[in-house]
Amino acid sequence: ARILIIDDETDVRIATRRILERAGHEVTEASSGEEGVESFNKNPADLIITDIMDAGQGGVETVAQLREQHPGLRI
């Protein structure tokens, strides 16, 4: 699956990416909600893993924005 990780903590993104790639997934990363939405719009993912307490645009706002644009999206 194509998975997008949105998290402002670099170490968390790297660790999560490594685990998912070892399991055979294609992973992209974003360091903020804004970056995540932009990344998803350019290269849609099958699943998004996001930090709810993200800096900047919070995870709740990011989820709401993505769900509004893509109602069936798995987050």
PDB file of N, CA and C in Angstrom:
ATOM      1  N   ALA A   1       0.834  -1.188   0.000  1.00  0.00           N
ATOM      2  CA  ALA A   1       0.000   0.000   0.000  1.00  0.00           C
ATOM      3  C   ALA A   1       0.874   1.245   0.000  1.00  0.00           C
ATOM      4  N   ARG A   2       0.320   2.323  -0.498  1.00  0.00           N
ATOM      5  CA  ARG A   2       0.982   3.634  -0.429  1.00  0.00           C
ATOM      6  C   ARG A   2       0.510   4.308   0.851  1.00  0.00           C
ATOM      7  N   ILE A   3       1.467   4.681   1.703  1.00  0.00           N
ATOM      8  CA  ILE A   3       1.140   5.255   3.012  1.00  0.00           C
ATOM      9  C   ILE A   3       1.841   6.602   3.155  1.00  0.00           C
ATOM     10  N   LEU A   4       1.090   7.587   3.641  1.00  0.00           N
ATOM     11  CA  LEU A   4       1.629   8.914   3.934  1.00  0.00           C
ATOM     12  C   LEU A   4       1.675   9.082   5.445  1.00  0.00           C
ATOM     13  N   ILE A   5       2.862   9.409   5.958  1.00  0.00           N
ATOM     14  CA  ILE A   5       3.041   9.675   7.384  1.00  0.00           C
ATOM     15  C   ILE A   5       3.150  11.184   7.561  1.00  0.00           C
ATOM     16  N   ILE A   6       2.286  11.737   8.425  1.00  0.00           N
ATOM     17  CA  ILE A   6       2.340  13.166   8.733  1.00  0.00           C
ATOM     18  C   ILE A   6       2.651  13.297  10.225  1.00  0.00           C
ATOM     19  N   ASP A   7       3.851  13.807  10.509  1.00  0.00           N
ATOM     20  CA  ASP A   7       4.269  13.975  11.904  1.00  0.00           C
ATOM     21  C   ASP A   7       5.363  15.025  11.949  1.00  0.00           C
ATOM     22  N   ASP A   8       5.303  15.910  12.937  1.00  0.00           N
ATOM     23  CA  ASP A   8       6.323  16.954  13.043  1.00  0.00           C
ATOM     24  C   ASP A   8       7.603  16.469  13.708  1.00  0.00           C
ATOM     25  N   GLU A   9       7.597  15.257  14.238  1.00  0.00           N
ATOM     26  CA  GLU A   9       8.797  14.713  14.876  1.00  0.00           C
ATOM     27  C   GLU A   9       9.539  13.796  13.893  1.00  0.00           C
ATOM     28  N   THR A  10      10.723  14.226  13.500  1.00  0.00           N
ATOM     29  CA  THR A  10      11.513  13.497  12.512  1.00  0.00           C
ATOM     30  C   THR A  10      11.778  12.062  12.925  1.00  0.00           C
ATOM     31  N   ASP A  11      12.158  11.839  14.167  1.00  0.00           N
ATOM     32  CA  ASP A  11      12.471  10.481  14.631  1.00  0.00           C
ATOM     33  C   ASP A  11      11.269   9.548  14.521  1.00  0.00           C
ATOM     34  N   VAL A  12      10.093  10.064  14.813  1.00  0.00           N
ATOM     35  CA  VAL A  12       8.874   9.248  14.712  1.00  0.00           C
ATOM     36  C   VAL A  12       8.618   8.886  13.250  1.00  0.00           C
ATOM     37  N   ARG A  13       8.745   9.872  12.356  1.00  0.00           N
ATOM     38  CA  ARG A  13       8.534   9.602  10.922  1.00  0.00           C
ATOM     39  C   ARG A  13       9.521   8.562  10.407  1.00  0.00           C
ATOM     40  N   ILE A  14      10.782   8.694  10.773  1.00  0.00           N
ATOM     41  CA  ILE A  14      11.805   7.761  10.291  1.00  0.00           C
ATOM     42  C   ILE A  14      11.542   6.350  10.810  1.00  0.00           C
ATOM     43  N   ALA A  15      11.249   6.220  12.091  1.00  0.00           N
ATOM     44  CA  ALA A  15      11.007   4.900  12.674  1.00  0.00           C
ATOM     45  C   ALA A  15       9.775   4.246  12.047  1.00  0.00           C
ATOM     46  N   THR A  16       8.713   5.012  11.897  1.00  0.00           N
ATOM     47  CA  THR A  16       7.492   4.476  11.309  1.00  0.00           C
ATOM     48  C   THR A  16       7.728   4.084   9.857  1.00  0.00           C
ATOM     49  N   ARG A  17       8.441   4.929   9.134  1.00  0.00           N
ATOM     50  CA  ARG A  17       8.740   4.642   7.729  1.00  0.00           C
ATOM     51  C   ARG A  17       9.516   3.325   7.603  1.00  0.00           C
ATOM     52  N   ARG A  18      10.532   3.151   8.417  1.00  0.00           N
ATOM     53  CA  ARG A  18      11.358   1.929   8.337  1.00  0.00           C
ATOM     54  C   ARG A  18      10.523   0.677   8.572  1.00  0.00           C
ATOM     55  N   ILE A  19       9.666   0.728   9.583  1.00  0.00           N
ATOM     56  CA  ILE A  19       8.807  -0.428   9.887  1.00  0.00           C
ATOM     57  C   ILE A  19       7.896  -0.735   8.705  1.00  0.00           C
ATOM     58  N   LEU A  20       7.271   0.297   8.173  1.00  0.00           N
ATOM     59  CA  LEU A  20       6.326   0.086   7.076  1.00  0.00           C
ATOM     60  C   LEU A  20       7.017  -0.362   5.786  1.00  0.00           C
ATOM     61  N   GLU A  21       8.180   0.196   5.502  1.00  0.00           N
ATOM     62  CA  GLU A  21       8.909  -0.219   4.300  1.00  0.00           C
ATOM     63  C   GLU A  21       9.378  -1.667   4.412  1.00  0.00           C
ATOM     64  N   ARG A  22       9.804  -2.081   5.591  1.00  0.00           N
ATOM     65  CA  ARG A  22      10.194  -3.483   5.789  1.00  0.00           C
ATOM     66  C   ARG A  22       9.015  -4.416   5.543  1.00  0.00           C
ATOM     67  N   ALA A  23       7.812  -3.920   5.792  1.00  0.00           N
ATOM     68  CA  ALA A  23       6.602  -4.712   5.570  1.00  0.00           C
ATOM     69  C   ALA A  23       6.139  -4.640   4.110  1.00  0.00           C
ATOM     70  N   GLY A  24       6.900  -3.925   3.272  1.00  0.00           N
ATOM     71  CA  GLY A  24       6.621  -3.896   1.843  1.00  0.00           C
ATOM     72  C   GLY A  24       5.782  -2.729   1.347  1.00  0.00           C
ATOM     73  N   HIS A  25       5.572  -1.724   2.184  1.00  0.00           N
ATOM     74  CA  HIS A  25       4.751  -0.579   1.788  1.00  0.00           C
ATOM     75  C   HIS A  25       5.602   0.524   1.172  1.00  0.00           C
ATOM     76  N   GLU A  26       4.974   1.306   0.319  1.00  0.00           N
ATOM     77  CA  GLU A  26       5.595   2.502  -0.252  1.00  0.00           C
ATOM     78  C   GLU A  26       5.214   3.659   0.659  1.00  0.00           C
ATOM     79  N   VAL A  27       6.204   4.373   1.198  1.00  0.00           N
ATOM     80  CA  VAL A  27       5.934   5.380   2.228  1.00  0.00           C
ATOM     81  C   VAL A  27       6.462   6.747   1.791  1.00  0.00           C
ATOM     82  N   THR A  28       5.633   7.766   2.021  1.00  0.00           N
ATOM     83  CA  THR A  28       6.070   9.147   1.863  1.00  0.00           C
ATOM     84  C   THR A  28       5.861   9.834   3.209  1.00  0.00           C
ATOM     85  N   GLU A  29       6.552  10.951   3.401  1.00  0.00           N
ATOM     86  CA  GLU A  29       6.505  11.653   4.681  1.00  0.00           C
ATOM     87  C   GLU A  29       6.183  13.125   4.482  1.00  0.00           C
ATOM     88  N   ALA A  30       5.563  13.695   5.506  1.00  0.00           N
ATOM     89  CA  ALA A  30       5.338  15.135   5.563  1.00  0.00           C
ATOM     90  C   ALA A  30       5.555  15.569   7.005  1.00  0.00           C
ATOM     91  N   SER A  31       6.153  16.753   7.182  1.00  0.00           N
ATOM     92  CA  SER A  31       6.477  17.221   8.526  1.00  0.00           C
ATOM     93  C   SER A  31       5.419  18.146   9.119  1.00  0.00           C
ATOM     94  N   SER A  32       4.348  18.422   8.360  1.00  0.00           N
ATOM     95  CA  SER A  32       3.272  19.267   8.872  1.00  0.00           C
ATOM     96  C   SER A  32       1.972  18.888   8.173  1.00  0.00           C
ATOM     97  N   GLY A  33       0.871  19.334   8.759  1.00  0.00           N
ATOM     98  CA  GLY A  33      -0.422  19.067   8.149  1.00  0.00           C
ATOM     99  C   GLY A  33      -0.543  19.699   6.774  1.00  0.00           C
ATOM    100  N   GLU A  34      -0.083  20.933   6.655  1.00  0.00           N
ATOM    101  CA  GLU A  34      -0.140  21.625   5.366  1.00  0.00           C
ATOM    102  C   GLU A  34       0.647  20.858   4.316  1.00  0.00           C
ATOM    103  N   GLU A  35       1.850  20.452   4.675  1.00  0.00           N
ATOM    104  CA  GLU A  35       2.707  19.693   3.762  1.00  0.00           C
ATOM    105  C   GLU A  35       2.057  18.345   3.418  1.00  0.00           C
ATOM    106  N   GLY A  36       1.409  17.733   4.401  1.00  0.00           N
ATOM    107  CA  GLY A  36       0.755  16.457   4.186  1.00  0.00           C
ATOM    108  C   GLY A  36      -0.387  16.551   3.194  1.00  0.00           C
ATOM    109  N   VAL A  37      -1.212  17.579   3.331  1.00  0.00           N
ATOM    110  CA  VAL A  37      -2.331  17.777   2.399  1.00  0.00           C
ATOM    111  C   VAL A  37      -1.794  18.013   0.996  1.00  0.00           C
ATOM    112  N   GLU A  38      -0.783  18.848   0.883  1.00  0.00           N
ATOM    113  CA  GLU A  38      -0.171  19.130  -0.423  1.00  0.00           C
ATOM    114  C   GLU A  38       0.419  17.862  -1.032  1.00  0.00           C
ATOM    115  N   SER A  39       1.129  17.091  -0.222  1.00  0.00           N
ATOM    116  CA  SER A  39       1.726  15.836  -0.690  1.00  0.00           C
ATOM    117  C   SER A  39       0.652  14.863  -1.147  1.00  0.00           C
ATOM    118  N   PHE A  40      -0.426  14.734  -0.373  1.00  0.00           N
ATOM    119  CA  PHE A  40      -1.509  13.820  -0.730  1.00  0.00           C
ATOM    120  C   PHE A  40      -2.153  14.234  -2.044  1.00  0.00           C
ATOM    121  N   ASN A  41      -2.360  15.532  -2.234  1.00  0.00           N
ATOM    122  CA  ASN A  41      -2.992  16.010  -3.465  1.00  0.00           C
ATOM    123  C   ASN A  41      -2.125  15.763  -4.691  1.00  0.00           C
ATOM    124  N   LYS A  42      -0.804  15.770  -4.525  1.00  0.00           N
ATOM    125  CA  LYS A  42       0.116  15.497  -5.635  1.00  0.00           C
ATOM    126  C   LYS A  42       0.272  14.005  -5.885  1.00  0.00           C
ATOM    127  N   ASN A  43       0.282  13.208  -4.807  1.00  0.00           N
ATOM    128  CA  ASN A  43       0.524  11.771  -4.906  1.00  0.00           C
ATOM    129  C   ASN A  43      -0.354  11.062  -3.876  1.00  0.00           C
ATOM    130  N   PRO A  44      -1.617  10.774  -4.214  1.00  0.00           N
ATOM    131  CA  PRO A  44      -2.550  10.179  -3.252  1.00  0.00           C
ATOM    132  C   PRO A  44      -2.023   8.875  -2.648  1.00  0.00           C
ATOM    133  N   ALA A  45      -2.342   8.681  -1.384  1.00  0.00           N
ATOM    134  CA  ALA A  45      -1.958   7.477  -0.650  1.00  0.00           C
ATOM    135  C   ALA A  45      -3.198   6.643  -0.363  1.00  0.00           C
ATOM    136  N   ASP A  46      -2.981   5.372  -0.054  1.00  0.00           N
ATOM    137  CA  ASP A  46      -4.075   4.492   0.334  1.00  0.00           C
ATOM    138  C   ASP A  46      -4.448   4.685   1.796  1.00  0.00           C
ATOM    139  N   LEU A  47      -3.478   5.149   2.579  1.00  0.00           N
ATOM    140  CA  LEU A  47      -3.657   5.298   4.020  1.00  0.00           C
ATOM    141  C   LEU A  47      -2.806   6.461   4.508  1.00  0.00           C
ATOM    142  N   ILE A  48      -3.339   7.206   5.469  1.00  0.00           N
ATOM    143  CA  ILE A  48      -2.574   8.280   6.097  1.00  0.00           C
ATOM    144  C   ILE A  48      -2.443   7.982   7.582  1.00  0.00           C
ATOM    145  N   ILE A  49      -1.225   8.103   8.085  1.00  0.00           N
ATOM    146  CA  ILE A  49      -0.953   8.011   9.517  1.00  0.00           C
ATOM    147  C   ILE A  49      -0.521   9.404   9.939  1.00  0.00           C
ATOM    148  N   THR A  50      -1.259   9.999  10.874  1.00  0.00           N
ATOM    149  CA  THR A  50      -0.944  11.374  11.266  1.00  0.00           C
ATOM    150  C   THR A  50      -0.920  11.542  12.774  1.00  0.00           C
ATOM    151  N   ASP A  51      -0.128  12.490  13.191  1.00  0.00           N
ATOM    152  CA  ASP A  51      -0.041  12.897  14.587  1.00  0.00           C
ATOM    153  C   ASP A  51      -1.175  13.888  14.841  1.00  0.00           C
ATOM    154  N   ILE A  52      -2.031  13.618  15.777  1.00  0.00           N
ATOM    155  CA  ILE A  52      -3.158  14.497  16.072  1.00  0.00           C
ATOM    156  C   ILE A  52      -2.692  15.806  16.715  1.00  0.00           C
ATOM    157  N   MET A  53      -1.639  15.762  17.497  1.00  0.00           N
ATOM    158  CA  MET A  53      -1.138  16.949  18.187  1.00  0.00           C
ATOM    159  C   MET A  53       0.030  17.572  17.431  1.00  0.00           C
ATOM    160  N   ASP A  54      -0.094  17.672  16.139  1.00  0.00           N
ATOM    161  CA  ASP A  54       0.953  18.208  15.274  1.00  0.00           C
ATOM    162  C   ASP A  54       1.089  19.719  15.465  1.00  0.00           C
ATOM    163  N   ALA A  55       2.294  20.226  15.308  1.00  0.00           N
ATOM    164  CA  ALA A  55       2.526  21.672  15.358  1.00  0.00           C
ATOM    165  C   ALA A  55       1.951  22.313  14.093  1.00  0.00           C
ATOM    166  N   GLY A  56       1.733  23.599  14.130  1.00  0.00           N
ATOM    167  CA  GLY A  56       1.163  24.285  12.972  1.00  0.00           C
ATOM    168  C   GLY A  56      -0.295  23.896  12.818  1.00  0.00           C
ATOM    169  N   GLN A  57      -0.668  23.526  11.599  1.00  0.00           N
ATOM    170  CA  GLN A  57      -2.030  23.027  11.379  1.00  0.00           C
ATOM    171  C   GLN A  57      -2.124  21.705  12.118  1.00  0.00           C
ATOM    172  N   GLY A  58      -2.944  21.644  13.127  1.00  0.00           N
ATOM    173  CA  GLY A  58      -3.051  20.443  13.948  1.00  0.00           C
ATOM    174  C   GLY A  58      -3.596  19.256  13.182  1.00  0.00           C
ATOM    175  N   GLY A  59      -3.375  18.083  13.729  1.00  0.00           N
ATOM    176  CA  GLY A  59      -3.809  16.851  13.089  1.00  0.00           C
ATOM    177  C   GLY A  59      -5.310  16.774  12.902  1.00  0.00           C
ATOM    178  N   VAL A  60      -6.068  17.301  13.862  1.00  0.00           N
ATOM    179  CA  VAL A  60      -7.521  17.277  13.750  1.00  0.00           C
ATOM    180  C   VAL A  60      -7.961  18.097  12.537  1.00  0.00           C
ATOM    181  N   GLU A  61      -7.378  19.270  12.357  1.00  0.00           N
ATOM    182  CA  GLU A  61      -7.697  20.107  11.206  1.00  0.00           C
ATOM    183  C   GLU A  61      -7.273  19.437   9.900  1.00  0.00           C
ATOM    184  N   THR A  62      -6.119  18.784   9.927  1.00  0.00           N
ATOM    185  CA  THR A  62      -5.638  18.079   8.733  1.00  0.00           C
ATOM    186  C   THR A  62      -6.597  16.956   8.360  1.00  0.00           C
ATOM    187  N   VAL A  63      -7.008  16.172   9.348  1.00  0.00           N
ATOM    188  CA  VAL A  63      -7.943  15.070   9.085  1.00  0.00           C
ATOM    189  C   VAL A  63      -9.251  15.619   8.523  1.00  0.00           C
ATOM    190  N   ALA A  64      -9.780  16.681   9.121  1.00  0.00           N
ATOM    191  CA  ALA A  64     -11.036  17.270   8.655  1.00  0.00           C
ATOM    192  C   ALA A  64     -10.919  17.752   7.219  1.00  0.00           C
ATOM    193  N   GLN A  65      -9.821  18.405   6.901  1.00  0.00           N
ATOM    194  CA  GLN A  65      -9.602  18.915   5.545  1.00  0.00           C
ATOM    195  C   GLN A  65      -9.515  17.772   4.539  1.00  0.00           C
ATOM    196  N   LEU A  66      -8.748  16.743   4.869  1.00  0.00           N
ATOM    197  CA  LEU A  66      -8.598  15.610   3.955  1.00  0.00           C
ATOM    198  C   LEU A  66      -9.912  14.853   3.787  1.00  0.00           C
ATOM    199  N   ARG A  67     -10.644  14.662   4.870  1.00  0.00           N
ATOM    200  CA  ARG A  67     -11.930  13.945   4.797  1.00  0.00           C
ATOM    201  C   ARG A  67     -12.950  14.729   3.970  1.00  0.00           C
ATOM    202  N   GLU A  68     -12.911  16.058   4.076  1.00  0.00           N
ATOM    203  CA  GLU A  68     -13.830  16.884   3.296  1.00  0.00           C
ATOM    204  C   GLU A  68     -13.544  16.723   1.800  1.00  0.00           C
ATOM    205  N   GLN A  69     -12.274  16.697   1.453  1.00  0.00           N
ATOM    206  CA  GLN A  69     -11.870  16.585   0.048  1.00  0.00           C
ATOM    207  C   GLN A  69     -11.966  15.154  -0.472  1.00  0.00           C
ATOM    208  N   HIS A  70     -11.760  14.169   0.423  1.00  0.00           N
ATOM    209  CA  HIS A  70     -11.699  12.754   0.034  1.00  0.00           C
ATOM    210  C   HIS A  70     -12.455  11.927   1.087  1.00  0.00           C
ATOM    211  N   PRO A  71     -13.793  11.901   1.018  1.00  0.00           N
ATOM    212  CA  PRO A  71     -14.608  11.280   2.070  1.00  0.00           C
ATOM    213  C   PRO A  71     -14.256   9.829   2.413  1.00  0.00           C
ATOM    214  N   GLY A  72     -13.818   9.024   1.476  1.00  0.00           N
ATOM    215  CA  GLY A  72     -13.539   7.614   1.756  1.00  0.00           C
ATOM    216  C   GLY A  72     -12.123   7.327   2.202  1.00  0.00           C
ATOM    217  N   LEU A  73     -11.335   8.365   2.400  1.00  0.00           N
ATOM    218  CA  LEU A  73      -9.921   8.203   2.728  1.00  0.00           C
ATOM    219  C   LEU A  73      -9.730   7.510   4.068  1.00  0.00           C
ATOM    220  N   ARG A  74      -8.813   6.553   4.096  1.00  0.00           N
ATOM    221  CA  ARG A  74      -8.498   5.847   5.344  1.00  0.00           C
ATOM    222  C   ARG A  74      -7.392   6.600   6.079  1.00  0.00           C
ATOM    223  N   ILE A  75      -7.718   7.013   7.307  1.00  0.00           N
ATOM    224  CA  ILE A  75      -6.766   7.779   8.116  1.00  0.00           C
ATOM    225  C   ILE A  75      -6.619   7.094   9.458  1.00  0.00           C
TER     226      ILE A  75
END
